[in-house]
Every structure is written in structure tokens, then in C-alpha cells.
N, C-alpha and C. Protein backbone atom coordinates (compact mmCIF):
# COMPACT_ATOMS: atom_id res chain seq x y z
N MET A 1 42.41 -30.06 -73.12
CA MET A 1 43.24 -28.84 -72.93
C MET A 1 43.13 -28.21 -71.53
N ASN A 2 41.91 -28.30 -70.97
CA ASN A 2 41.69 -27.80 -69.68
C ASN A 2 41.79 -28.79 -68.53
N GLU A 3 42.27 -29.99 -68.89
CA GLU A 3 42.32 -31.08 -67.94
C GLU A 3 43.22 -30.81 -66.80
N GLN A 4 44.46 -30.27 -67.10
CA GLN A 4 45.41 -29.98 -66.07
C GLN A 4 45.02 -29.01 -65.06
N PRO A 5 44.50 -27.84 -65.39
CA PRO A 5 43.97 -26.91 -64.35
C PRO A 5 42.84 -27.52 -63.51
N ARG A 6 42.00 -28.25 -64.12
CA ARG A 6 40.89 -28.91 -63.42
C ARG A 6 41.42 -29.90 -62.37
N LEU A 7 42.40 -30.71 -62.76
CA LEU A 7 42.96 -31.65 -61.85
C LEU A 7 43.65 -30.94 -60.71
N HIS A 8 44.27 -29.80 -61.04
CA HIS A 8 44.88 -29.00 -59.94
C HIS A 8 43.89 -28.54 -59.01
N ASP A 9 42.80 -27.98 -59.39
CA ASP A 9 41.68 -27.50 -58.64
C ASP A 9 41.14 -28.64 -57.75
N LEU A 10 40.97 -29.79 -58.34
CA LEU A 10 40.45 -30.90 -57.55
C LEU A 10 41.41 -31.33 -56.46
N HIS A 11 42.68 -31.29 -56.79
CA HIS A 11 43.75 -31.65 -55.76
C HIS A 11 43.69 -30.63 -54.64
N ALA A 12 43.59 -29.36 -54.98
CA ALA A 12 43.54 -28.39 -53.91
C ALA A 12 42.30 -28.40 -53.06
N GLU A 13 41.14 -28.72 -53.71
CA GLU A 13 39.89 -28.93 -53.00
C GLU A 13 39.99 -30.14 -52.00
N ARG A 14 40.70 -31.20 -52.46
CA ARG A 14 40.81 -32.33 -51.60
C ARG A 14 41.71 -32.14 -50.45
N ARG A 15 42.73 -31.38 -50.76
CA ARG A 15 43.68 -30.95 -49.59
C ARG A 15 42.98 -30.14 -48.57
N ALA A 16 42.17 -29.17 -49.05
CA ALA A 16 41.43 -28.29 -48.12
C ALA A 16 40.45 -29.16 -47.31
N GLN A 17 39.85 -30.15 -47.97
CA GLN A 17 38.82 -30.96 -47.23
C GLN A 17 39.57 -31.80 -46.14
N ILE A 18 40.74 -32.26 -46.43
CA ILE A 18 41.49 -33.03 -45.47
C ILE A 18 41.90 -32.09 -44.34
N LEU A 19 42.31 -30.90 -44.56
CA LEU A 19 42.79 -29.99 -43.53
C LEU A 19 41.60 -29.65 -42.61
N ASN A 20 40.45 -29.41 -43.16
CA ASN A 20 39.32 -29.14 -42.37
C ASN A 20 38.90 -30.31 -41.49
N ALA A 21 38.96 -31.56 -42.07
CA ALA A 21 38.68 -32.77 -41.31
C ALA A 21 39.70 -32.94 -40.21
N ALA A 22 40.96 -32.66 -40.39
CA ALA A 22 42.01 -32.85 -39.45
C ALA A 22 41.75 -31.88 -38.28
N GLN A 23 41.46 -30.67 -38.61
CA GLN A 23 41.19 -29.65 -37.47
C GLN A 23 40.01 -30.18 -36.66
N VAL A 24 39.02 -30.65 -37.27
CA VAL A 24 37.86 -31.20 -36.48
C VAL A 24 38.34 -32.35 -35.53
N CYS A 25 39.21 -33.22 -36.08
CA CYS A 25 39.70 -34.26 -35.23
C CYS A 25 40.60 -33.86 -34.11
N PHE A 26 41.52 -32.88 -34.42
CA PHE A 26 42.45 -32.41 -33.47
C PHE A 26 41.77 -31.67 -32.34
N VAL A 27 40.75 -30.97 -32.67
CA VAL A 27 39.95 -30.19 -31.64
C VAL A 27 39.18 -31.24 -30.74
N ARG A 28 38.54 -32.19 -31.40
CA ARG A 28 37.76 -33.22 -30.73
C ARG A 28 38.55 -34.10 -29.84
N SER A 29 39.68 -34.61 -30.31
CA SER A 29 40.43 -35.67 -29.60
C SER A 29 41.75 -35.31 -29.17
N GLY A 30 42.32 -34.15 -29.64
CA GLY A 30 43.65 -33.84 -29.34
C GLY A 30 44.62 -34.35 -30.39
N PHE A 31 45.85 -33.78 -30.48
CA PHE A 31 46.70 -34.14 -31.57
C PHE A 31 47.23 -35.62 -31.40
N HIS A 32 47.56 -35.95 -30.18
CA HIS A 32 48.18 -37.30 -29.94
C HIS A 32 47.16 -38.38 -30.14
N ARG A 33 45.95 -38.20 -29.67
CA ARG A 33 44.95 -39.28 -29.82
C ARG A 33 44.33 -39.41 -31.18
N THR A 34 44.57 -38.41 -32.05
CA THR A 34 43.99 -38.47 -33.44
C THR A 34 45.03 -39.27 -34.26
N THR A 35 44.43 -40.24 -35.06
CA THR A 35 45.21 -40.92 -35.88
C THR A 35 44.97 -40.51 -37.44
N MET A 36 45.84 -41.01 -38.33
CA MET A 36 45.57 -40.75 -39.71
C MET A 36 44.32 -41.39 -40.23
N GLN A 37 44.00 -42.54 -39.52
CA GLN A 37 42.73 -43.21 -39.89
C GLN A 37 41.57 -42.38 -39.47
N ASP A 38 41.69 -41.71 -38.34
CA ASP A 38 40.56 -40.85 -37.88
C ASP A 38 40.31 -39.63 -38.84
N VAL A 39 41.47 -39.10 -39.34
CA VAL A 39 41.39 -38.02 -40.28
C VAL A 39 40.72 -38.46 -41.57
N ALA A 40 41.12 -39.63 -42.08
CA ALA A 40 40.61 -40.19 -43.28
C ALA A 40 39.13 -40.43 -43.15
N LYS A 41 38.69 -40.96 -42.07
CA LYS A 41 37.23 -41.20 -41.84
C LYS A 41 36.48 -39.94 -41.85
N GLU A 42 37.02 -38.92 -41.09
CA GLU A 42 36.38 -37.66 -41.08
C GLU A 42 36.24 -36.95 -42.44
N ALA A 43 37.25 -37.21 -43.27
CA ALA A 43 37.36 -36.61 -44.62
C ALA A 43 36.54 -37.46 -45.62
N GLY A 44 36.14 -38.61 -45.21
CA GLY A 44 35.35 -39.48 -46.24
C GLY A 44 36.14 -40.08 -47.19
N MET A 45 37.31 -40.57 -46.83
CA MET A 45 38.26 -41.25 -47.84
C MET A 45 38.94 -42.38 -47.11
N SER A 46 39.60 -43.20 -47.85
CA SER A 46 40.40 -44.29 -47.35
C SER A 46 41.73 -43.79 -46.83
N PRO A 47 42.34 -44.42 -45.83
CA PRO A 47 43.63 -43.99 -45.36
C PRO A 47 44.68 -43.93 -46.41
N GLY A 48 44.61 -44.96 -47.29
CA GLY A 48 45.58 -45.05 -48.45
C GLY A 48 45.49 -43.79 -49.34
N ASN A 49 44.29 -43.41 -49.58
CA ASN A 49 44.06 -42.15 -50.40
C ASN A 49 44.53 -40.91 -49.68
N LEU A 50 44.38 -40.93 -48.31
CA LEU A 50 44.83 -39.82 -47.52
C LEU A 50 46.36 -39.62 -47.67
N TYR A 51 47.08 -40.74 -47.63
CA TYR A 51 48.52 -40.60 -47.73
C TYR A 51 49.06 -40.11 -49.05
N ARG A 52 48.19 -40.02 -50.03
CA ARG A 52 48.57 -39.46 -51.24
C ARG A 52 48.75 -37.88 -51.17
N TYR A 53 48.00 -37.34 -50.22
CA TYR A 53 48.05 -35.90 -50.01
C TYR A 53 48.91 -35.44 -48.86
N PHE A 54 49.00 -36.22 -47.79
CA PHE A 54 49.76 -35.88 -46.55
C PHE A 54 50.43 -37.16 -46.03
N GLU A 55 51.68 -37.13 -45.82
CA GLU A 55 52.48 -38.29 -45.34
C GLU A 55 52.33 -38.55 -43.94
N SER A 56 51.90 -37.55 -43.08
CA SER A 56 51.92 -37.65 -41.66
C SER A 56 50.99 -36.55 -41.00
N LYS A 57 50.69 -36.67 -39.74
CA LYS A 57 50.02 -35.61 -38.96
C LYS A 57 50.81 -34.36 -39.02
N ASP A 58 52.14 -34.45 -38.83
CA ASP A 58 53.04 -33.25 -38.88
C ASP A 58 52.81 -32.51 -40.14
N ALA A 59 52.78 -33.31 -41.27
CA ALA A 59 52.56 -32.62 -42.63
C ALA A 59 51.25 -31.95 -42.72
N ILE A 60 50.23 -32.49 -42.08
CA ILE A 60 48.93 -31.86 -42.02
C ILE A 60 48.93 -30.55 -41.28
N VAL A 61 49.58 -30.58 -40.16
CA VAL A 61 49.73 -29.29 -39.36
C VAL A 61 50.48 -28.28 -40.12
N ALA A 62 51.51 -28.74 -40.84
CA ALA A 62 52.26 -27.79 -41.70
C ALA A 62 51.36 -27.17 -42.78
N GLY A 63 50.41 -27.96 -43.30
CA GLY A 63 49.48 -27.48 -44.32
C GLY A 63 48.59 -26.50 -43.71
N LEU A 64 48.12 -26.81 -42.45
CA LEU A 64 47.28 -25.84 -41.82
C LEU A 64 47.94 -24.50 -41.57
N ALA A 65 49.24 -24.57 -41.18
CA ALA A 65 50.02 -23.43 -40.94
C ALA A 65 50.27 -22.60 -42.09
N ARG A 66 50.47 -23.22 -43.28
CA ARG A 66 50.69 -22.48 -44.49
C ARG A 66 49.46 -21.71 -44.84
N ALA A 67 48.35 -22.31 -44.68
CA ALA A 67 47.06 -21.59 -45.00
C ALA A 67 46.89 -20.39 -44.03
N ASP A 68 47.26 -20.55 -42.81
CA ASP A 68 47.16 -19.51 -41.81
C ASP A 68 48.05 -18.40 -42.18
N GLN A 69 49.30 -18.77 -42.52
CA GLN A 69 50.31 -17.68 -42.88
C GLN A 69 49.90 -16.85 -44.11
N GLU A 70 49.39 -17.43 -45.05
CA GLU A 70 48.87 -16.69 -46.22
C GLU A 70 47.77 -15.68 -45.82
N ARG A 71 46.86 -16.19 -45.05
CA ARG A 71 45.76 -15.32 -44.59
C ARG A 71 46.29 -14.19 -43.70
N ILE A 72 47.15 -14.49 -42.78
CA ILE A 72 47.70 -13.49 -41.89
C ILE A 72 48.47 -12.40 -42.64
N ALA A 73 49.24 -12.87 -43.66
CA ALA A 73 50.00 -11.88 -44.46
C ALA A 73 49.08 -10.95 -45.17
N GLU A 74 48.03 -11.48 -45.76
CA GLU A 74 47.04 -10.57 -46.46
C GLU A 74 46.41 -9.62 -45.50
N ASP A 75 45.94 -10.07 -44.32
CA ASP A 75 45.26 -9.21 -43.42
C ASP A 75 46.18 -8.11 -42.84
N PHE A 76 47.43 -8.39 -42.53
CA PHE A 76 48.35 -7.43 -41.98
C PHE A 76 48.79 -6.40 -43.15
N ALA A 77 48.83 -6.81 -44.34
CA ALA A 77 49.18 -5.96 -45.49
C ALA A 77 48.08 -4.92 -45.65
N ALA A 78 46.81 -5.43 -45.50
CA ALA A 78 45.65 -4.45 -45.53
C ALA A 78 45.71 -3.50 -44.25
N ALA A 79 46.06 -4.04 -43.12
CA ALA A 79 46.06 -3.18 -41.97
C ALA A 79 47.13 -2.08 -42.03
N ALA A 80 48.28 -2.41 -42.66
CA ALA A 80 49.35 -1.46 -42.69
C ALA A 80 48.97 -0.27 -43.56
N SER A 81 48.00 -0.44 -44.56
CA SER A 81 47.57 0.62 -45.39
C SER A 81 46.49 1.46 -44.72
N ASN A 82 45.96 1.06 -43.56
CA ASN A 82 44.96 1.85 -42.88
C ASN A 82 45.57 3.10 -42.19
N PRO A 83 45.02 4.27 -42.60
CA PRO A 83 45.70 5.46 -41.97
C PRO A 83 45.57 5.60 -40.49
N ASP A 84 44.69 4.87 -39.80
CA ASP A 84 44.63 4.85 -38.32
C ASP A 84 44.89 3.44 -37.84
N PHE A 85 46.03 3.31 -37.23
CA PHE A 85 46.47 2.00 -36.77
C PHE A 85 45.57 1.33 -35.69
N LEU A 86 44.96 2.03 -34.85
CA LEU A 86 44.21 1.42 -33.76
C LEU A 86 42.93 0.73 -34.27
N PRO A 87 42.15 1.37 -35.17
CA PRO A 87 40.99 0.63 -35.83
C PRO A 87 41.53 -0.60 -36.55
N ALA A 88 42.67 -0.54 -37.14
CA ALA A 88 43.21 -1.62 -37.93
C ALA A 88 43.47 -2.76 -36.94
N PHE A 89 44.09 -2.56 -35.85
CA PHE A 89 44.37 -3.59 -34.87
C PHE A 89 42.98 -4.14 -34.29
N ALA A 90 42.04 -3.17 -34.06
CA ALA A 90 40.69 -3.63 -33.58
C ALA A 90 40.05 -4.58 -34.50
N GLU A 91 40.14 -4.32 -35.85
CA GLU A 91 39.58 -5.21 -36.84
C GLU A 91 40.21 -6.55 -36.82
N LEU A 92 41.55 -6.59 -36.74
CA LEU A 92 42.26 -7.90 -36.68
C LEU A 92 41.92 -8.54 -35.43
N GLY A 93 41.93 -7.86 -34.31
CA GLY A 93 41.57 -8.54 -33.02
C GLY A 93 40.17 -9.15 -33.00
N ARG A 94 39.25 -8.44 -33.53
CA ARG A 94 37.88 -8.94 -33.57
C ARG A 94 37.80 -10.17 -34.53
N LYS A 95 38.52 -10.12 -35.64
CA LYS A 95 38.45 -11.24 -36.54
C LYS A 95 39.01 -12.46 -35.98
N TYR A 96 40.20 -12.41 -35.44
CA TYR A 96 40.94 -13.57 -34.94
C TYR A 96 40.65 -14.00 -33.53
N LEU A 97 40.17 -13.09 -32.64
CA LEU A 97 39.92 -13.42 -31.25
C LEU A 97 38.41 -13.47 -30.88
N ILE A 98 37.54 -13.03 -31.77
CA ILE A 98 36.15 -13.07 -31.43
C ILE A 98 35.33 -13.78 -32.49
N ASP A 99 35.43 -13.34 -33.77
CA ASP A 99 34.61 -13.90 -34.82
C ASP A 99 35.00 -15.31 -35.22
N GLU A 100 36.27 -15.68 -35.10
CA GLU A 100 36.65 -17.01 -35.39
C GLU A 100 35.97 -18.07 -34.51
N PRO A 101 35.64 -19.14 -34.93
CA PRO A 101 35.06 -20.18 -34.04
C PRO A 101 35.95 -20.51 -32.91
N ARG A 102 35.43 -20.88 -31.83
CA ARG A 102 36.28 -21.24 -30.66
C ARG A 102 37.16 -22.35 -31.00
N ASP A 103 36.78 -23.23 -31.90
CA ASP A 103 37.66 -24.42 -32.28
C ASP A 103 39.04 -23.90 -32.71
N THR A 104 39.04 -22.77 -33.40
CA THR A 104 40.29 -22.20 -33.94
C THR A 104 41.20 -21.96 -32.72
N ALA A 105 40.74 -21.40 -31.72
CA ALA A 105 41.57 -21.17 -30.51
C ALA A 105 42.04 -22.38 -29.83
N VAL A 106 41.15 -23.46 -29.82
CA VAL A 106 41.47 -24.71 -29.15
C VAL A 106 42.60 -25.36 -30.06
N MET A 107 42.46 -25.22 -31.39
CA MET A 107 43.52 -25.73 -32.27
C MET A 107 44.88 -25.09 -31.97
N ALA A 108 44.83 -23.77 -31.74
CA ALA A 108 46.11 -23.06 -31.42
C ALA A 108 46.73 -23.67 -30.18
N LEU A 109 45.93 -23.88 -29.13
CA LEU A 109 46.52 -24.47 -27.92
C LEU A 109 47.09 -25.85 -28.20
N GLU A 110 46.45 -26.66 -29.06
CA GLU A 110 47.00 -27.91 -29.40
C GLU A 110 48.37 -27.78 -30.03
N ILE A 111 48.51 -26.83 -30.94
CA ILE A 111 49.82 -26.61 -31.57
C ILE A 111 50.82 -26.12 -30.55
N TRP A 112 50.49 -25.20 -29.75
CA TRP A 112 51.42 -24.65 -28.75
C TRP A 112 51.96 -25.82 -27.83
N ALA A 113 50.99 -26.74 -27.37
CA ALA A 113 51.36 -27.72 -26.50
C ALA A 113 52.28 -28.76 -27.21
N GLU A 114 51.95 -29.13 -28.40
CA GLU A 114 52.77 -30.08 -29.15
C GLU A 114 54.11 -29.59 -29.53
N SER A 115 54.23 -28.32 -29.66
CA SER A 115 55.47 -27.61 -30.05
C SER A 115 56.58 -27.79 -28.93
N THR A 116 56.12 -28.00 -27.74
CA THR A 116 57.10 -28.15 -26.61
C THR A 116 57.81 -29.49 -26.66
N ARG A 117 57.36 -30.44 -27.42
CA ARG A 117 57.97 -31.76 -27.57
C ARG A 117 58.16 -32.37 -28.95
N ASN A 118 57.84 -31.61 -29.94
CA ASN A 118 57.91 -31.97 -31.31
C ASN A 118 58.59 -30.87 -32.18
N GLU A 119 59.77 -31.14 -32.55
CA GLU A 119 60.63 -30.14 -33.27
C GLU A 119 60.01 -29.66 -34.57
N VAL A 120 59.25 -30.65 -35.26
CA VAL A 120 58.67 -30.22 -36.53
C VAL A 120 57.46 -29.20 -36.27
N ILE A 121 56.76 -29.50 -35.22
CA ILE A 121 55.60 -28.63 -34.92
C ILE A 121 56.14 -27.27 -34.40
N ALA A 122 57.27 -27.37 -33.60
CA ALA A 122 57.85 -26.18 -33.08
C ALA A 122 58.28 -25.24 -34.25
N GLY A 123 58.81 -25.84 -35.36
CA GLY A 123 59.12 -25.08 -36.50
C GLY A 123 57.93 -24.42 -37.19
N VAL A 124 56.92 -25.19 -37.24
CA VAL A 124 55.63 -24.76 -37.81
C VAL A 124 55.08 -23.56 -37.06
N LEU A 125 55.12 -23.70 -35.69
CA LEU A 125 54.65 -22.62 -34.78
C LEU A 125 55.52 -21.31 -35.01
N HIS A 126 56.83 -21.53 -35.10
CA HIS A 126 57.80 -20.44 -35.27
C HIS A 126 57.44 -19.60 -36.50
N GLY A 127 57.10 -20.37 -37.57
CA GLY A 127 56.72 -19.74 -38.86
C GLY A 127 55.43 -18.85 -38.71
N ILE A 128 54.45 -19.35 -38.02
CA ILE A 128 53.23 -18.62 -37.81
C ILE A 128 53.47 -17.39 -36.98
N VAL A 129 54.32 -17.58 -35.92
CA VAL A 129 54.55 -16.41 -35.06
C VAL A 129 55.38 -15.29 -35.74
N GLU A 130 56.38 -15.79 -36.58
CA GLU A 130 57.12 -14.84 -37.32
C GLU A 130 56.25 -14.07 -38.35
N GLU A 131 55.24 -14.75 -38.96
CA GLU A 131 54.36 -14.05 -39.87
C GLU A 131 53.52 -12.97 -39.15
N VAL A 132 53.04 -13.39 -37.91
CA VAL A 132 52.27 -12.42 -37.12
C VAL A 132 53.10 -11.22 -36.70
N ARG A 133 54.30 -11.56 -36.23
CA ARG A 133 55.31 -10.53 -35.74
C ARG A 133 55.62 -9.60 -36.90
N ASN A 134 55.91 -10.14 -38.08
CA ASN A 134 56.29 -9.24 -39.20
C ASN A 134 55.09 -8.43 -39.64
N GLY A 135 53.97 -8.93 -39.54
CA GLY A 135 52.74 -8.14 -39.84
C GLY A 135 52.54 -6.97 -38.85
N MET A 136 52.73 -7.31 -37.57
CA MET A 136 52.60 -6.27 -36.59
C MET A 136 53.66 -5.11 -36.78
N VAL A 137 54.88 -5.52 -37.09
CA VAL A 137 55.97 -4.54 -37.28
C VAL A 137 55.63 -3.71 -38.45
N SER A 138 55.08 -4.35 -39.49
CA SER A 138 54.76 -3.46 -40.73
C SER A 138 53.71 -2.45 -40.43
N VAL A 139 52.69 -2.81 -39.61
CA VAL A 139 51.65 -1.89 -39.33
C VAL A 139 52.23 -0.71 -38.45
N LEU A 140 53.07 -1.03 -37.49
CA LEU A 140 53.65 -0.02 -36.66
C LEU A 140 54.64 0.88 -37.33
N GLU A 141 55.44 0.30 -38.17
CA GLU A 141 56.37 1.12 -38.97
C GLU A 141 55.57 2.03 -40.00
N ALA A 142 54.51 1.55 -40.51
CA ALA A 142 53.70 2.46 -41.35
C ALA A 142 53.11 3.60 -40.53
N ALA A 143 52.56 3.24 -39.30
CA ALA A 143 52.04 4.24 -38.45
C ALA A 143 53.07 5.27 -38.01
N ARG A 144 54.29 4.80 -37.74
CA ARG A 144 55.38 5.74 -37.28
C ARG A 144 55.74 6.65 -38.53
N GLY A 145 55.71 6.08 -39.73
CA GLY A 145 56.00 6.91 -40.95
C GLY A 145 54.98 7.99 -41.11
N ARG A 146 53.71 7.76 -40.70
CA ARG A 146 52.73 8.73 -40.81
C ARG A 146 52.69 9.74 -39.64
N GLY A 147 53.49 9.47 -38.67
CA GLY A 147 53.52 10.37 -37.48
C GLY A 147 52.46 10.04 -36.51
N SER A 148 51.83 8.83 -36.61
CA SER A 148 50.72 8.48 -35.66
C SER A 148 51.18 7.95 -34.34
N ILE A 149 52.41 7.47 -34.26
CA ILE A 149 53.04 7.05 -33.06
C ILE A 149 54.41 7.72 -32.91
N PRO A 150 54.94 7.85 -31.65
CA PRO A 150 56.26 8.52 -31.50
C PRO A 150 57.28 7.87 -32.33
N ALA A 151 58.23 8.75 -32.76
CA ALA A 151 59.35 8.25 -33.61
C ALA A 151 60.28 7.43 -32.77
N ASP A 152 60.40 7.62 -31.45
CA ASP A 152 61.35 6.87 -30.62
C ASP A 152 60.64 5.70 -30.02
N LEU A 153 59.45 5.26 -30.44
CA LEU A 153 58.86 4.11 -29.85
C LEU A 153 59.64 2.84 -30.15
N ASP A 154 59.88 2.05 -29.13
CA ASP A 154 60.65 0.75 -29.35
C ASP A 154 59.64 -0.26 -29.96
N ILE A 155 59.61 -0.35 -31.23
CA ILE A 155 58.72 -1.26 -31.98
C ILE A 155 58.85 -2.71 -31.57
N ASP A 156 60.07 -3.14 -31.37
CA ASP A 156 60.28 -4.56 -30.97
C ASP A 156 59.59 -4.87 -29.69
N ARG A 157 59.84 -3.99 -28.63
CA ARG A 157 59.16 -4.21 -27.39
C ARG A 157 57.65 -4.07 -27.54
N ALA A 158 57.18 -3.19 -28.29
CA ALA A 158 55.76 -3.01 -28.43
C ALA A 158 55.12 -4.30 -29.10
N VAL A 159 55.82 -4.82 -30.03
CA VAL A 159 55.35 -6.04 -30.63
C VAL A 159 55.28 -7.25 -29.75
N ARG A 160 56.37 -7.29 -29.00
CA ARG A 160 56.44 -8.44 -27.92
C ARG A 160 55.24 -8.32 -26.93
N PHE A 161 54.95 -7.02 -26.59
CA PHE A 161 53.89 -6.79 -25.68
C PHE A 161 52.51 -7.23 -26.29
N LEU A 162 52.34 -6.84 -27.52
CA LEU A 162 51.09 -7.15 -28.25
C LEU A 162 51.00 -8.72 -28.47
N LEU A 163 51.98 -9.40 -28.77
CA LEU A 163 52.03 -10.78 -28.86
C LEU A 163 51.56 -11.49 -27.58
N ALA A 164 52.19 -11.04 -26.53
CA ALA A 164 51.85 -11.63 -25.22
C ALA A 164 50.35 -11.47 -24.89
N VAL A 165 49.83 -10.22 -25.11
CA VAL A 165 48.49 -9.99 -24.77
C VAL A 165 47.48 -10.79 -25.71
N SER A 166 47.78 -10.78 -26.99
CA SER A 166 46.89 -11.50 -27.95
C SER A 166 46.96 -12.99 -27.74
N ASP A 167 48.17 -13.52 -27.38
CA ASP A 167 48.24 -14.94 -27.02
C ASP A 167 47.39 -15.24 -25.75
N GLY A 168 47.44 -14.36 -24.73
CA GLY A 168 46.62 -14.56 -23.64
C GLY A 168 45.14 -14.52 -23.97
N MET A 169 44.68 -13.67 -24.79
CA MET A 169 43.29 -13.62 -25.19
C MET A 169 42.90 -14.89 -26.01
N MET A 170 43.84 -15.37 -26.83
CA MET A 170 43.47 -16.63 -27.64
C MET A 170 43.40 -17.75 -26.63
N LYS A 171 44.19 -17.87 -25.56
CA LYS A 171 44.09 -18.88 -24.54
C LYS A 171 42.69 -18.76 -23.87
N ARG A 172 42.32 -17.57 -23.48
CA ARG A 172 41.09 -17.41 -22.75
C ARG A 172 39.91 -17.73 -23.70
N ARG A 173 39.97 -17.44 -25.00
CA ARG A 173 38.94 -17.79 -25.99
C ARG A 173 38.76 -19.31 -25.96
N ALA A 174 39.86 -20.01 -25.79
CA ALA A 174 39.80 -21.48 -25.82
C ALA A 174 39.23 -22.14 -24.57
N VAL A 175 39.60 -21.57 -23.38
CA VAL A 175 39.34 -22.27 -22.21
C VAL A 175 38.44 -21.64 -21.24
N ALA A 176 38.16 -20.29 -21.32
CA ALA A 176 37.42 -19.58 -20.36
C ALA A 176 35.93 -19.57 -20.62
N PRO A 177 35.09 -20.12 -19.75
CA PRO A 177 33.66 -20.24 -20.09
C PRO A 177 33.03 -18.81 -20.02
N ASN A 178 33.68 -17.90 -19.30
CA ASN A 178 33.14 -16.55 -19.15
C ASN A 178 33.85 -15.49 -20.01
N PHE A 179 34.49 -16.03 -21.12
CA PHE A 179 35.23 -15.12 -21.96
C PHE A 179 34.22 -14.02 -22.61
N ALA A 180 34.60 -12.77 -22.28
CA ALA A 180 33.76 -11.67 -22.87
C ALA A 180 34.51 -10.93 -23.92
N GLY A 181 34.44 -11.46 -25.16
CA GLY A 181 35.28 -10.99 -26.20
C GLY A 181 35.32 -9.48 -26.45
N GLU A 182 34.13 -8.89 -26.56
CA GLU A 182 34.14 -7.43 -26.95
C GLU A 182 34.70 -6.63 -25.81
N SER A 183 34.32 -6.84 -24.60
CA SER A 183 34.87 -5.98 -23.55
C SER A 183 36.29 -6.18 -23.31
N GLU A 184 36.79 -7.46 -23.41
CA GLU A 184 38.21 -7.73 -23.22
C GLU A 184 39.05 -7.20 -24.31
N LEU A 185 38.50 -7.22 -25.62
CA LEU A 185 39.15 -6.64 -26.63
C LEU A 185 39.24 -5.09 -26.52
N GLU A 186 38.20 -4.48 -26.02
CA GLU A 186 38.11 -3.06 -25.76
C GLU A 186 39.17 -2.67 -24.71
N THR A 187 39.31 -3.41 -23.64
CA THR A 187 40.39 -3.17 -22.65
C THR A 187 41.77 -3.27 -23.28
N MET A 188 42.00 -4.29 -23.99
CA MET A 188 43.27 -4.55 -24.63
C MET A 188 43.62 -3.32 -25.62
N LEU A 189 42.64 -2.87 -26.35
CA LEU A 189 42.93 -1.78 -27.31
C LEU A 189 43.16 -0.51 -26.55
N ALA A 190 42.50 -0.25 -25.42
CA ALA A 190 42.73 0.89 -24.63
C ALA A 190 44.19 0.99 -24.10
N VAL A 191 44.63 -0.17 -23.56
CA VAL A 191 45.99 -0.23 -23.05
C VAL A 191 47.00 -0.12 -24.23
N LEU A 192 46.74 -0.84 -25.35
CA LEU A 192 47.58 -0.80 -26.55
C LEU A 192 47.68 0.59 -27.00
N GLY A 193 46.62 1.34 -27.14
CA GLY A 193 46.65 2.63 -27.65
C GLY A 193 47.53 3.57 -26.76
N ALA A 194 47.46 3.47 -25.40
CA ALA A 194 48.26 4.15 -24.53
C ALA A 194 49.71 3.88 -24.64
N VAL A 195 50.01 2.57 -24.83
CA VAL A 195 51.40 2.18 -25.01
C VAL A 195 51.95 2.72 -26.33
N LEU A 196 51.21 2.55 -27.38
CA LEU A 196 51.77 2.98 -28.72
C LEU A 196 51.84 4.46 -28.87
N ARG A 197 51.07 5.20 -28.10
CA ARG A 197 51.17 6.65 -28.16
C ARG A 197 52.14 7.25 -27.20
N GLY A 198 52.84 6.34 -26.53
CA GLY A 198 53.92 6.82 -25.63
C GLY A 198 53.37 7.25 -24.25
N ARG A 199 52.14 6.98 -23.89
CA ARG A 199 51.60 7.40 -22.57
C ARG A 199 51.90 6.42 -21.46
N VAL A 200 52.30 5.22 -21.83
CA VAL A 200 52.65 4.13 -20.85
C VAL A 200 54.02 3.64 -21.32
N PRO A 201 55.13 3.66 -20.43
CA PRO A 201 56.44 3.28 -20.84
C PRO A 201 56.46 1.76 -21.02
N LEU A 202 57.38 1.29 -21.85
CA LEU A 202 57.54 -0.14 -22.13
C LEU A 202 58.63 -0.70 -21.34
N THR A 203 59.24 0.11 -20.42
CA THR A 203 60.20 -0.35 -19.43
C THR A 203 59.80 0.04 -18.11
N PHE A 204 60.15 -0.75 -17.03
CA PHE A 204 59.79 -0.48 -15.70
C PHE A 204 60.87 0.36 -14.98
N GLU A 205 60.43 1.52 -14.38
CA GLU A 205 61.35 2.26 -13.69
C GLU A 205 60.71 2.55 -12.32
N GLU A 206 61.39 2.24 -11.25
CA GLU A 206 60.81 2.47 -9.87
C GLU A 206 60.86 3.94 -9.55
N SER A 207 59.90 4.45 -8.91
CA SER A 207 59.89 5.81 -8.42
C SER A 207 60.74 5.95 -7.22
N GLU A 208 61.09 7.19 -6.94
CA GLU A 208 61.91 7.32 -5.71
C GLU A 208 61.31 6.84 -4.40
N THR A 209 59.89 6.94 -4.41
CA THR A 209 59.19 6.47 -3.12
C THR A 209 59.15 5.00 -3.04
N GLU A 210 59.35 4.27 -4.20
CA GLU A 210 59.25 2.81 -4.17
C GLU A 210 60.62 2.14 -3.87
N ARG A 211 61.71 2.89 -3.96
CA ARG A 211 63.02 2.37 -3.74
C ARG A 211 63.30 2.23 -2.26
């Protein structure tokens, strides 16, 4: 009677094991140099058994993306309910840009690079970015509804700015040997707070003396 749920759990556990193994391989050798055989070996299974769960490396990356999207959606939903938006962003920034293993940032670079030449991976990346973007919009709209940020703030521009800065920090987390997470996050939050409270404009206007 309980056989079906148990089999479902085992299948989910096996898929998670494969995804973890794949990430180890992608970080160690890069997406292109990693083969399905490499992933199978890292996961402790035969290549034939691996193909029962994922038909290709692209499918594995899609699986990794789905797991990320679910986690991101949950985290931003919690952040949107925080009465103070800046500590909410600080918590998210610390989680994703500092507390996560460096391998997570390296994996992000692998996906970004592969997306420039692989339409499937580009679609996967687009889905992740949209999940993050939608989450940021929900946090800022909630903050605006509470009066924490100006009513006329251009949320679309603010989110584009925040995406650019967080992507830059993710890249530094992956490649910079002198990455100072806490101090760099502190600087990012100081600038972000000034932007979101309307103290720094989101458009460039030359002063009369600069013209």
C-alpha cells in the first residue's frame, strides 16, 4: 500500500544525488569537458542507469535550475513579508553571495557562459533570472505599499540595477581571490538603500557645469 510513495521518494533522492554529482563535475571540469559518464561515475551509478533519470547534460542543468527556482521563489516570498525591505535584501544577499559555497558561484558562471552558445541553456538561465526578477519586484512593490520607498520609484529600473550589482558580486565570488563578502555586501546595501529611498537618481542628468 505504501510502495508507490516510497518509490517516488527513492526516485527523488536519486535525482538529487545525480544533480549534486553533476554540479561537482561541472565546477571541477567545466560544462563542455564533463561527460554523462563522468556524472554517472561521480554519482556512483552506471551510465545506463543515469539515462533513466536524465537524457542529457542539458536536462541535468534544467533540473538544477528548477531546484534553484523553487528555492528562490520561497526566499523572496518570505522577504516580501518583511516590514523592512533593506534587512530582507541583506539576508538574501548574505545567503546567496556569501554563505553559499564558492562552487555555487562557479556553477553560475558556467551556466552564463554556456547560455551564449546553447539555446536550451539560455532558456534555463532566462527562467532563473525571471524568477529572481519577479521576486525582487514583489519585495519592492510590498515596500512601496507600506510607504517604505517613494511612490514614484521606477521599480523596473531599480530591479535592473540590483540585478547588475548582484551579478557582479556573484562573478567576484567565483573568481576574485580577495573577495571580501561582508564589506562588499555592506557597500552594495548602502548604495541600494540610497537608490531605493530616492536619494540617488536612477537616470543620469548632467549638471549645468558639466555641459
